[in-house]
N, C-alpha and C. Protein backbone atom coordinates (compact mmCIF):
# COMPACT_ATOMS: atom_id res chain seq x y z
N UNK A 1 0.81 -1.62 0.12
CA UNK A 1 0.14 0.19 0.24
C UNK A 1 1.23 1.36 -0.05
N UNK A 2 0.23 2.08 -0.83
CA UNK A 2 1.04 3.75 -1.08
C UNK A 2 0.70 4.85 0.33
N UNK A 3 1.32 5.52 1.16
CA UNK A 3 0.78 5.98 1.76
C UNK A 3 1.62 7.28 0.77
N UNK A 4 0.46 8.79 0.53
CA UNK A 4 0.80 9.76 -0.18
C UNK A 4 0.73 10.82 0.71
N UNK A 5 1.75 12.08 -0.25
CA UNK A 5 1.53 13.35 0.36
C UNK A 5 1.99 14.25 -0.29
N UNK A 6 1.87 15.16 -0.32
CA UNK A 6 2.13 16.64 -0.88
C UNK A 6 3.58 17.05 -0.99
N UNK A 7 4.29 17.20 -2.31
CA UNK A 7 5.52 17.42 -2.30
C UNK A 7 5.74 19.02 -2.21
N UNK A 8 6.43 19.24 -0.99
CA UNK A 8 6.31 20.65 -0.23
C UNK A 8 7.79 21.32 -1.00
N UNK A 9 8.85 20.23 -1.96
CA UNK A 9 9.54 20.86 -2.21
C UNK A 9 9.33 21.22 -3.71
N UNK A 10 8.25 21.54 -4.29
CA UNK A 10 7.76 21.66 -5.09
C UNK A 10 6.90 22.95 -5.55
N UNK A 11 7.54 23.83 -5.99
CA UNK A 11 6.41 25.29 -6.09
C UNK A 11 5.11 24.65 -7.14
N UNK A 12 3.98 24.90 -6.44
CA UNK A 12 3.47 24.97 -7.22
C UNK A 12 2.74 26.32 -7.56
N UNK A 13 2.79 26.62 -9.25
CA UNK A 13 2.25 27.88 -9.60
C UNK A 13 0.65 27.43 -10.01
N UNK A 14 0.44 26.88 -10.88
CA UNK A 14 -1.24 26.05 -10.88
C UNK A 14 -1.71 24.84 -10.56
N UNK A 15 -2.81 24.69 -11.15
CA UNK A 15 -3.19 23.15 -10.77
C UNK A 15 -3.16 22.69 -9.29
N UNK A 16 -3.35 21.44 -9.48
CA UNK A 16 -3.27 20.78 -7.76
C UNK A 16 -1.69 20.44 -7.97
N UNK A 17 -1.57 20.16 -6.48
CA UNK A 17 -0.63 20.29 -5.61
C UNK A 17 0.34 18.74 -6.55
N UNK A 18 1.82 18.51 -6.46
CA UNK A 18 2.31 17.14 -6.89
C UNK A 18 2.24 16.35 -5.56
N UNK A 19 1.57 15.10 -6.11
CA UNK A 19 1.94 14.21 -4.85
C UNK A 19 2.76 13.01 -5.06
N UNK A 20 3.69 12.88 -3.91
CA UNK A 20 4.56 12.21 -3.78
C UNK A 20 4.18 10.43 -2.91
N UNK A 21 5.04 9.56 -2.64
CA UNK A 21 4.65 8.42 -1.87
C UNK A 21 5.92 8.84 -0.45
N UNK A 22 5.22 8.67 0.96
CA UNK A 22 5.57 9.18 1.60
C UNK A 22 6.70 8.19 2.57
N UNK A 23 7.27 9.04 2.75
CA UNK A 23 8.47 7.44 3.14
C UNK A 23 7.87 6.85 4.82
N UNK A 24 7.71 5.62 4.95
CA UNK A 24 8.13 4.77 5.99
C UNK A 24 8.18 5.68 7.42
N UNK A 25 9.35 6.31 7.31
CA UNK A 25 9.88 7.05 8.83
C UNK A 25 8.96 8.33 9.55
N UNK A 26 8.11 8.56 7.64
CA UNK A 26 7.22 9.76 8.35
C UNK A 26 5.74 9.10 8.94
N UNK A 27 5.28 8.39 8.47
CA UNK A 27 3.94 7.22 8.99
C UNK A 27 3.79 7.77 10.03
N UNK A 28 2.42 8.10 9.91
CA UNK A 28 1.56 8.60 11.46
C UNK A 28 0.88 6.85 11.82
N UNK A 29 0.69 6.90 13.24
CA UNK A 29 -0.14 5.67 13.55
C UNK A 29 -1.11 5.32 12.54
N UNK A 30 -1.79 6.62 12.03
CA UNK A 30 -3.24 6.13 10.88
C UNK A 30 -2.81 5.72 9.83
N UNK A 31 -1.70 5.99 9.55
CA UNK A 31 -1.08 5.37 8.24
C UNK A 31 -0.80 4.08 8.24
N UNK A 32 -0.35 3.20 9.70
CA UNK A 32 0.42 2.10 9.66
C UNK A 32 -1.00 1.45 10.14
N UNK A 33 -1.95 2.36 10.84
CA UNK A 33 -2.96 1.31 10.67
C UNK A 33 -3.59 0.57 9.33
N UNK A 34 -3.70 1.60 8.92
CA UNK A 34 -4.89 1.25 6.96
C UNK A 34 -4.22 0.59 6.79
N UNK A 35 -2.47 0.35 6.66
CA UNK A 35 -1.35 -0.35 5.25
C UNK A 35 -1.53 -1.32 6.08
N UNK A 36 -1.60 -1.55 7.66
CA UNK A 36 -1.69 -2.82 8.15
C UNK A 36 -3.61 -3.66 7.77
N UNK A 37 -4.18 -3.32 8.04
CA UNK A 37 -5.74 -3.23 7.58
C UNK A 37 -5.41 -3.63 6.26
N UNK A 38 -5.26 -2.69 5.36
CA UNK A 38 -5.12 -3.53 3.72
C UNK A 38 -3.98 -4.59 3.90
N UNK A 39 -3.05 -5.01 4.60
CA UNK A 39 -2.41 -5.76 4.65
C UNK A 39 -3.35 -7.15 4.59
N UNK A 40 -4.18 -7.09 5.61
CA UNK A 40 -4.86 -8.35 6.49
C UNK A 40 -5.87 -8.28 5.59
N UNK A 41 -6.65 -7.59 4.72
CA UNK A 41 -7.70 -7.97 3.56
C UNK A 41 -7.22 -8.67 2.67
N UNK A 42 -6.00 -7.92 1.79
CA UNK A 42 -5.15 -8.74 0.87
C UNK A 42 -4.82 -10.33 1.42
N UNK A 43 -4.36 -10.68 2.61
CA UNK A 43 -4.06 -12.10 2.69
C UNK A 43 -5.61 -13.05 2.88
N UNK A 44 -6.07 -12.14 3.46
CA UNK A 44 -7.92 -12.78 3.21
C UNK A 44 -8.50 -13.12 1.94
N UNK A 45 -8.28 -12.23 1.19
CA UNK A 45 -8.32 -12.25 0.03
C UNK A 45 -8.18 -13.45 -0.83
N UNK A 46 -6.36 -13.31 -0.89
CA UNK A 46 -5.62 -14.46 -1.47
C UNK A 46 -5.54 -15.70 -1.03
N UNK A 47 -5.96 -16.03 0.19
CA UNK A 47 -6.34 -17.31 1.09
C UNK A 47 -8.02 -17.63 0.35
N UNK A 48 -8.20 -16.74 0.53
CA UNK A 48 -9.79 -17.49 -0.23
C UNK A 48 -10.20 -17.73 -2.11
N UNK A 49 -8.76 -17.76 -2.69
CA UNK A 49 -9.24 -17.45 -4.02
C UNK A 49 -8.41 -18.68 -4.31
N UNK A 50 -8.85 -19.44 -5.65
CA UNK A 50 -8.54 -20.47 -6.63
C UNK A 50 -7.46 -20.10 -7.59
N UNK A 51 -6.25 -21.20 -7.38
CA UNK A 51 -4.94 -20.76 -8.38
C UNK A 51 -5.40 -19.85 -9.77
N UNK A 52 -6.61 -19.95 -10.51
CA UNK A 52 -7.05 -19.17 -11.51
C UNK A 52 -6.75 -18.11 -11.18
N UNK A 53 -8.32 -17.56 -10.37
CA UNK A 53 -8.61 -16.81 -10.13
C UNK A 53 -7.18 -15.59 -9.45
N UNK A 54 -6.15 -16.35 -8.69
CA UNK A 54 -5.16 -15.23 -7.86
C UNK A 54 -4.15 -15.05 -8.88
N UNK A 55 -3.86 -16.01 -9.66
CA UNK A 55 -3.18 -15.80 -11.16
C UNK A 55 -3.68 -14.66 -11.78
N UNK A 56 -5.36 -14.14 -11.55
CA UNK A 56 -5.82 -13.47 -12.83
C UNK A 56 -5.44 -11.56 -11.58
N UNK A 57 -5.24 -11.52 -10.53
CA UNK A 57 -5.37 -11.02 -9.52
C UNK A 57 -3.74 -10.33 -9.08
N UNK A 58 -2.71 -11.14 -8.88
CA UNK A 58 -1.73 -11.27 -8.02
C UNK A 58 -0.89 -9.80 -8.09
N UNK A 59 -1.26 -9.02 -9.62
CA UNK A 59 -0.62 -7.96 -9.77
C UNK A 59 -1.54 -6.88 -8.91
N UNK A 60 -2.49 -6.66 -8.73
CA UNK A 60 -3.00 -6.12 -7.76
C UNK A 60 -1.89 -5.53 -6.11
N UNK A 61 -1.91 -4.32 -6.29
CA UNK A 61 -1.26 -3.51 -5.15
C UNK A 61 -2.02 -3.27 -3.72
N UNK A 62 -2.86 -3.26 -4.58
CA UNK A 62 -4.18 -2.95 -2.13
C UNK A 62 -5.59 -3.91 -2.72
N UNK A 63 -6.08 -3.99 -1.34
CA UNK A 63 -7.56 -4.91 -1.17
C UNK A 63 -8.24 -4.15 -2.39
N UNK A 64 -8.10 -3.32 -2.05
CA UNK A 64 -9.05 -2.27 -3.11
C UNK A 64 -8.99 -2.54 -5.13
N UNK A 65 -7.96 -2.61 -4.57
CA UNK A 65 -7.25 -2.98 -6.64
C UNK A 65 -8.23 -4.47 -6.58
N UNK A 66 -7.45 -5.10 -5.90
CA UNK A 66 -8.41 -6.87 -6.05
C UNK A 66 -9.95 -6.79 -6.28
N UNK A 67 -10.45 -6.21 -5.56
CA UNK A 67 -11.88 -6.02 -5.07
C UNK A 67 -12.61 -5.66 -6.88
N UNK A 68 -11.96 -4.77 -7.20
CA UNK A 68 -12.23 -4.01 -8.38
C UNK A 68 -12.28 -5.40 -9.48
N UNK A 69 -11.30 -5.84 -9.44
CA UNK A 69 -10.34 -6.23 -10.14
C UNK A 69 -11.90 -7.72 -10.29
N UNK A 70 -11.70 -8.30 -9.02
CA UNK A 70 -13.15 -9.59 -9.00
C UNK A 70 -14.34 -8.84 -9.69
N UNK A 71 -14.57 -7.68 -9.07
CA UNK A 71 -15.63 -7.72 -9.57
C UNK A 71 -16.03 -7.65 -11.01
N UNK A 72 -14.93 -7.05 -12.15
CA UNK A 72 -14.72 -6.94 -13.71
C UNK A 72 -15.13 -8.72 -13.75
N UNK A 73 -13.71 -9.53 -13.42
CA UNK A 73 -13.90 -10.71 -13.52
C UNK A 73 -15.16 -11.77 -13.58
N UNK A 74 -15.59 -10.98 -12.71
CA UNK A 74 -17.45 -11.84 -11.96
C UNK A 74 -18.23 -11.42 -13.15
N UNK A 75 -18.55 -9.88 -13.24
CA UNK A 75 -19.34 -9.73 -13.85
C UNK A 75 -19.27 -9.78 -15.27
N UNK A 76 -18.22 -9.85 -16.17
CA UNK A 76 -18.51 -10.19 -17.37
C UNK A 76 -18.40 -9.02 -18.37
N UNK A 77 -18.34 -8.54 -19.63
CA UNK A 77 -18.40 -8.36 -20.57
C UNK A 77 -20.00 -8.20 -21.21
N UNK A 78 -20.44 -7.81 -22.09
CA UNK A 78 -22.03 -7.56 -22.57
C UNK A 78 -22.40 -8.89 -23.12
N UNK A 79 -21.14 -9.49 -23.81
CA UNK A 79 -21.67 -10.57 -23.99
C UNK A 79 -21.84 -11.94 -22.92
N UNK A 80 -21.01 -11.57 -21.89
CA UNK A 80 -21.08 -12.48 -20.59
C UNK A 80 -22.68 -11.82 -20.22
N UNK A 81 -22.85 -10.74 -20.01
CA UNK A 81 -24.17 -10.53 -19.40
C UNK A 81 -25.61 -11.05 -20.46
N UNK A 82 -25.37 -10.65 -21.51
CA UNK A 82 -26.54 -11.38 -22.55
C UNK A 82 -26.93 -12.84 -22.81
N UNK A 83 -25.83 -13.55 -22.04
CA UNK A 83 -25.76 -14.96 -22.09
C UNK A 83 -26.52 -15.02 -20.96
N UNK A 84 -26.14 -14.53 -19.59
CA UNK A 84 -26.97 -15.18 -18.30
C UNK A 84 -28.47 -14.58 -18.39
N UNK A 85 -28.67 -13.50 -19.35
CA UNK A 85 -29.89 -12.82 -19.40
C UNK A 85 -30.99 -13.95 -20.09
N UNK A 86 -30.40 -14.60 -21.08
CA UNK A 86 -31.38 -15.75 -21.75
C UNK A 86 -31.11 -16.82 -20.93
N UNK A 87 -30.27 -17.17 -20.23
CA UNK A 87 -30.48 -18.00 -19.40
C UNK A 87 -31.42 -18.38 -18.25
N UNK A 88 -31.67 -16.78 -18.19
CA UNK A 88 -32.88 -16.62 -16.90
C UNK A 88 -33.89 -16.32 -17.40
N UNK A 89 -34.32 -16.06 -18.86
CA UNK A 89 -35.64 -16.05 -19.35
C UNK A 89 -35.81 -17.41 -19.51
N UNK A 90 -34.39 -18.09 -20.23
CA UNK A 90 -35.07 -19.88 -20.21
C UNK A 90 -35.95 -20.67 -18.94
N UNK A 91 -35.28 -19.97 -18.01
CA UNK A 91 -35.80 -20.24 -16.43
C UNK A 91 -36.68 -19.88 -16.91
N UNK A 92 -37.57 -18.60 -16.60
CA UNK A 92 -39.07 -18.07 -16.29
C UNK A 92 -39.69 -19.17 -17.39
N UNK A 93 -39.33 -18.92 -18.66
CA UNK A 93 -40.10 -19.67 -19.22
C UNK A 93 -40.59 -21.02 -18.68
N UNK A 94 -39.60 -21.85 -18.53
CA UNK A 94 -39.59 -23.34 -18.38
C UNK A 94 -40.61 -23.45 -16.80
N UNK A 95 -40.36 -22.71 -15.83
CA UNK A 95 -40.33 -23.09 -14.67
C UNK A 95 -41.89 -23.30 -14.25
N UNK A 96 -41.74 -24.99 -13.41
CA UNK A 96 -42.95 -25.66 -13.17
C UNK A 96 -42.49 -26.39 -12.08
N UNK A 97 -43.82 -26.17 -11.21
CA UNK A 97 -43.44 -27.21 -9.85
C UNK A 97 -43.13 -28.36 -9.44
N UNK A 98 -41.96 -28.62 -8.66
CA UNK A 98 -40.78 -30.23 -8.88
C UNK A 98 -42.40 -30.43 -8.11
N UNK A 99 -42.41 -32.33 -8.65
CA UNK A 99 -42.84 -33.53 -7.73
C UNK A 99 -42.57 -33.39 -6.29
N UNK A 100 -43.41 -33.00 -5.08
CA UNK A 100 -42.91 -32.69 -3.43
C UNK A 100 -42.72 -31.18 -3.64
N UNK A 101 -43.22 -30.74 -3.82
CA UNK A 101 -42.10 -28.89 -3.45
C UNK A 101 -42.56 -28.43 -3.38
N UNK A 102 -43.37 -27.53 -2.39
CA UNK A 102 -43.86 -27.25 -1.19
C UNK A 102 -44.73 -25.64 -2.16
N UNK A 103 -45.82 -25.20 -1.77
CA UNK A 103 -46.02 -23.74 -2.53
C UNK A 103 -44.86 -22.79 -1.88
N UNK A 104 -44.82 -22.53 -0.83
CA UNK A 104 -43.65 -22.18 -0.27
C UNK A 104 -42.07 -21.68 -0.93
N UNK A 105 -41.74 -23.24 -1.34
CA UNK A 105 -40.28 -23.17 -1.78
C UNK A 105 -40.72 -23.32 -3.89
N UNK A 106 -41.57 -23.51 -4.22
CA UNK A 106 -42.39 -23.11 -5.34
C UNK A 106 -42.32 -21.42 -5.46
N UNK A 107 -42.50 -20.88 -5.21
CA UNK A 107 -43.36 -19.16 -4.89
C UNK A 107 -41.70 -18.47 -4.71
N UNK A 108 -40.44 -19.35 -3.60
CA UNK A 108 -39.26 -18.82 -3.46
C UNK A 108 -38.46 -18.90 -5.25
N UNK A 109 -38.41 -19.98 -5.39
CA UNK A 109 -37.78 -20.00 -6.96
C UNK A 109 -38.36 -18.68 -7.76
N UNK A 110 -39.66 -18.62 -7.83
CA UNK A 110 -40.07 -17.93 -8.95
C UNK A 110 -39.53 -16.79 -8.26
N UNK A 111 -39.75 -16.26 -7.10
CA UNK A 111 -39.16 -14.80 -6.67
C UNK A 111 -38.03 -14.59 -7.28
N UNK A 112 -36.91 -15.55 -7.17
CA UNK A 112 -35.24 -15.73 -7.13
C UNK A 112 -34.88 -15.21 -8.84
N UNK A 113 -36.09 -16.02 -9.31
CA UNK A 113 -35.52 -15.83 -11.21
C UNK A 113 -36.20 -14.15 -11.43
N UNK A 114 -36.99 -13.85 -11.17
CA UNK A 114 -38.08 -12.11 -11.12
C UNK A 114 -37.13 -11.57 -10.88
N UNK A 115 -36.16 -11.83 -9.13
CA UNK A 115 -35.05 -10.89 -9.41
C UNK A 115 -33.64 -10.79 -9.82
N UNK A 116 -33.28 -11.99 -10.59
CA UNK A 116 -32.16 -11.81 -11.05
C UNK A 116 -32.77 -11.20 -12.95
N UNK A 117 -33.89 -11.48 -13.08
CA UNK A 117 -34.42 -10.60 -14.63
C UNK A 117 -34.73 -9.46 -14.34
N UNK A 118 -35.05 -9.04 -12.92
CA UNK A 118 -34.74 -7.39 -12.69
C UNK A 118 -33.44 -7.06 -12.54
N UNK A 119 -32.82 -7.43 -12.14
CA UNK A 119 -31.48 -6.66 -11.65
C UNK A 119 -30.43 -6.82 -13.62
N UNK A 120 -31.19 -7.82 -13.97
CA UNK A 120 -30.52 -7.40 -15.73
C UNK A 120 -31.74 -6.45 -16.36
N UNK A 121 -32.53 -5.72 -15.66
CA UNK A 121 -33.42 -5.09 -16.24
C UNK A 121 -34.40 -5.27 -17.15
N UNK A 122 -34.87 -7.15 -17.18
CA UNK A 122 -35.90 -7.21 -17.43
C UNK A 122 -36.82 -7.82 -16.78
N UNK A 123 -38.24 -6.69 -16.84
CA UNK A 123 -39.40 -6.55 -15.53
C UNK A 123 -40.48 -7.21 -16.87
N UNK A 124 -41.28 -8.29 -15.96
CA UNK A 124 -42.13 -8.37 -16.50
C UNK A 124 -43.29 -8.09 -15.49
N UNK A 125 -44.76 -8.12 -16.50
CA UNK A 125 -45.48 -7.69 -15.33
C UNK A 125 -46.23 -8.65 -14.47
N UNK A 126 -46.79 -7.70 -13.47
CA UNK A 126 -47.45 -8.91 -12.24
C UNK A 126 -48.75 -9.89 -12.85
N UNK A 127 -49.47 -9.67 -13.53
CA UNK A 127 -50.22 -10.43 -14.53
C UNK A 127 -49.41 -11.59 -15.46
N UNK A 128 -48.10 -11.31 -15.91
CA UNK A 128 -47.65 -12.59 -16.24
C UNK A 128 -47.31 -12.97 -15.48
N UNK A 129 -46.47 -12.74 -14.64
CA UNK A 129 -45.92 -13.79 -13.71
C UNK A 129 -46.42 -14.46 -13.19
N UNK A 130 -47.76 -14.16 -12.48
CA UNK A 130 -49.48 -15.04 -11.73
C UNK A 130 -49.69 -15.39 -12.99
N UNK A 131 -49.76 -15.63 -14.07
CA UNK A 131 -50.24 -16.58 -15.17
C UNK A 131 -49.18 -17.41 -15.37
N UNK A 132 -47.77 -17.10 -15.37
CA UNK A 132 -47.21 -18.32 -15.37
C UNK A 132 -46.64 -19.07 -14.60
N UNK A 133 -46.96 -18.09 -12.97
CA UNK A 133 -47.12 -19.43 -11.66
C UNK A 133 -48.41 -20.29 -11.77
N UNK A 134 -49.27 -19.72 -11.89
CA UNK A 134 -50.45 -20.66 -11.90
C UNK A 134 -50.23 -21.61 -12.88
N UNK A 135 -49.93 -21.07 -14.09
CA UNK A 135 -49.62 -22.34 -15.27
C UNK A 135 -48.80 -23.18 -14.45
N UNK A 136 -47.80 -23.15 -13.97
CA UNK A 136 -46.64 -23.83 -13.51
C UNK A 136 -47.25 -24.72 -12.27
N UNK A 137 -48.20 -24.64 -11.83
CA UNK A 137 -48.14 -25.39 -10.63
C UNK A 137 -49.13 -26.78 -10.78
N UNK A 138 -48.13 -27.78 -10.04
CA UNK A 138 -48.29 -29.04 -10.48
C UNK A 138 -50.21 -29.46 -9.89
N UNK A 139 -50.98 -30.50 -10.25
CA UNK A 139 -51.54 -30.39 -9.94
C UNK A 139 -52.59 -31.34 -8.82
N UNK A 140 -50.67 -31.68 -7.94
CA UNK A 140 -51.20 -32.29 -6.88
C UNK A 140 -51.78 -31.26 -5.49
């Protein structure tokens, strides 16, 4: 982790001040605490990742960079998002109550799929959802 400070040796004429890395001997207690927390967070993240994912984030210098890279890897690009949406729409289209499934379990599955669709920006009317739920109920 880099702790930064304003470079007071450079005269500032216009714009933002020149920022440089603060030497360790100038670190305050707060700077040391933040560096320690960052190292703990990185350690936790490193220990929870598989080898393939670790190889993709090992060049990140801070826990924040690691999290941002992981979010990018997990969310994927536009093609990945479209594929996930297609799969979720197909789940909704084909949903049926399973043998031995309670109404609560069925309702939870439907709600989960609807929430996924909403997250992708695909919204169905309540009427269509209700119709789909009723048609998917087993005769038992």
